[in-house]
Amino acid sequence: MQTLPRISTTEMEVTSIRLERELKDRLKSLAGNRGYQALIREVLWQYVQQKSEDNSPQISRQDIRVSMAATAEQEERCALTGLVIRPQEAMLLGLTLSGEMVPLSVDSLSD
């Protein structure tokens, strides 16, 4: 995924959110040393980028370890180009260096 610029926590606004204890514990476990609040910010930024009209790439081509053919079951956005992949359209699934599966348009890995 695209690395977000790191800013000081003093430049951030304080927000209160209520989480189920189990969710918070699982987030802490997933976050490891970086902390669950940083993980929550990352997840929220990924969601905002995915849902926004901004078509900027989420990852770079070098982040893809392997790709496999697939068919979109719902509308997706190519993680490399930001182009829309329509339902029932041929696509690729890319496995990233971080172990995430991301949608890719068929031509997105071509030279």
Protein backbone atom coordinates (compact mmCIF):
# COMPACT_ATOMS: atom_id res chain seq x y z
CA MET A 1 0.00 0.00 0.00
CA GLN A 2 0.98 3.57 -0.49
CA THR A 3 2.99 4.88 2.43
CA LEU A 4 1.38 7.88 4.03
CA PRO A 5 3.56 10.77 5.15
CA ARG A 6 4.37 10.59 8.83
CA ILE A 7 3.35 13.63 10.79
CA SER A 8 3.79 14.36 14.44
CA THR A 9 0.93 13.30 16.69
CA THR A 10 0.91 16.86 18.04
CA GLU A 11 -0.33 17.95 14.60
CA MET A 12 -3.26 15.50 14.74
CA GLU A 13 -6.71 16.12 16.18
CA VAL A 14 -7.82 14.03 19.12
CA THR A 15 -10.88 11.89 18.36
CA SER A 16 -12.68 9.51 20.64
CA ILE A 17 -14.05 6.25 19.24
CA ARG A 18 -15.69 3.39 21.08
CA LEU A 19 -14.50 -0.09 20.14
CA GLU A 20 -15.52 -3.49 21.38
CA ARG A 21 -12.84 -4.89 23.69
CA GLU A 22 -12.30 -7.90 21.40
CA LEU A 23 -11.83 -5.63 18.36
CA LYS A 24 -9.33 -3.47 20.23
CA ASP A 25 -7.41 -6.54 21.43
CA ARG A 26 -7.28 -7.95 17.90
CA LEU A 27 -6.12 -4.62 16.49
CA LYS A 28 -3.35 -4.47 19.09
CA SER A 29 -2.30 -7.99 18.15
CA LEU A 30 -2.24 -7.18 14.43
CA ALA A 31 -0.43 -3.87 14.91
CA GLY A 32 2.53 -5.27 16.82
CA ASN A 33 5.17 -2.69 17.71
CA ARG A 34 3.70 0.17 15.68
CA GLY A 35 0.58 0.44 17.86
CA TYR A 36 -3.08 -0.08 17.15
CA GLN A 37 -3.89 3.62 16.69
CA ALA A 38 -1.42 3.81 13.79
CA LEU A 39 -3.05 0.70 12.32
CA ILE A 40 -6.51 2.27 12.64
CA ARG A 41 -5.28 5.43 10.85
CA GLU A 42 -3.78 3.30 8.06
CA VAL A 43 -7.01 1.33 7.62
CA LEU A 44 -9.08 4.52 7.58
CA TRP A 45 -6.78 6.17 5.00
CA GLN A 46 -6.96 3.06 2.80
CA TYR A 47 -10.76 3.16 2.99
CA VAL A 48 -10.89 6.87 2.14
CA GLN A 49 -8.54 6.41 -0.83
CA GLN A 50 -10.52 3.43 -2.08
CA LYS A 51 -13.86 5.26 -1.85
CA SER A 52 -12.70 8.66 -3.10
CA GLU A 53 -12.83 9.83 -6.67
CA ASP A 54 -9.05 10.28 -6.52
CA ASN A 55 -7.60 7.67 -8.88
CA SER A 56 -4.07 7.86 -7.49
CA PRO A 57 -2.30 4.51 -7.26
CA GLN A 58 -2.33 2.71 -3.92
CA ILE A 59 0.82 0.67 -4.62
CA SER A 60 3.67 0.48 -7.10
CA ARG A 61 4.43 -2.30 -9.56
CA GLN A 62 7.44 -3.31 -7.47
CA ASP A 63 5.06 -4.15 -4.60
CA ILE A 64 3.52 -7.04 -6.59
CA ARG A 65 5.06 -10.47 -5.89
CA VAL A 66 2.74 -12.57 -8.05
CA SER A 67 -0.47 -12.15 -10.01
CA MET A 68 -3.23 -14.51 -11.09
CA ALA A 69 -6.19 -14.29 -13.45
CA ALA A 70 -9.59 -13.57 -11.93
CA THR A 71 -13.04 -12.22 -12.76
CA ALA A 72 -14.49 -9.25 -10.90
CA GLU A 73 -17.68 -10.07 -9.01
CA GLN A 74 -18.27 -6.43 -8.12
CA GLU A 75 -16.84 -3.09 -9.17
CA GLU A 76 -13.18 -2.74 -8.17
CA ARG A 77 -10.42 -0.20 -8.71
CA CYS A 78 -7.04 -1.24 -9.99
CA ALA A 79 -4.53 -0.71 -7.18
CA LEU A 80 -1.86 0.36 -9.69
CA THR A 81 -3.75 2.61 -12.10
CA GLY A 82 -6.93 3.55 -10.26
CA LEU A 83 -9.00 2.48 -13.28
CA VAL A 84 -12.42 0.94 -12.65
CA ILE A 85 -12.79 -2.82 -13.15
CA ARG A 86 -16.43 -3.61 -13.87
CA PRO A 87 -18.38 -6.66 -12.62
CA GLN A 88 -17.73 -9.79 -14.72
CA GLU A 89 -14.69 -8.14 -16.34
CA ALA A 90 -11.41 -10.06 -16.52
CA MET A 91 -8.87 -8.80 -13.99
CA LEU A 92 -5.82 -9.90 -12.04
CA LEU A 93 -5.35 -10.42 -8.34
CA GLY A 94 -1.93 -9.28 -7.18
CA LEU A 95 -0.20 -10.54 -4.05
CA THR A 96 1.80 -7.70 -2.52
CA LEU A 97 5.04 -7.87 -0.58
CA SER A 98 2.99 -7.29 2.58
CA GLY A 99 0.76 -10.30 1.80
CA GLU A 100 -2.34 -8.39 0.68
CA MET A 101 -4.41 -9.37 -2.35
CA VAL A 102 -5.21 -6.34 -4.49
CA PRO A 103 -7.30 -5.92 -7.65
CA LEU A 104 -5.36 -5.17 -10.84
CA SER A 105 -6.59 -4.37 -14.33
CA VAL A 106 -5.43 -6.86 -16.95
CA ASP A 107 -3.02 -4.42 -18.64
CA SER A 108 -1.66 -2.82 -15.46
CA LEU A 109 1.46 -5.03 -15.30
CA SER A 110 2.30 -4.69 -19.03
CA ASP A 111 5.39 -2.74 -20.01
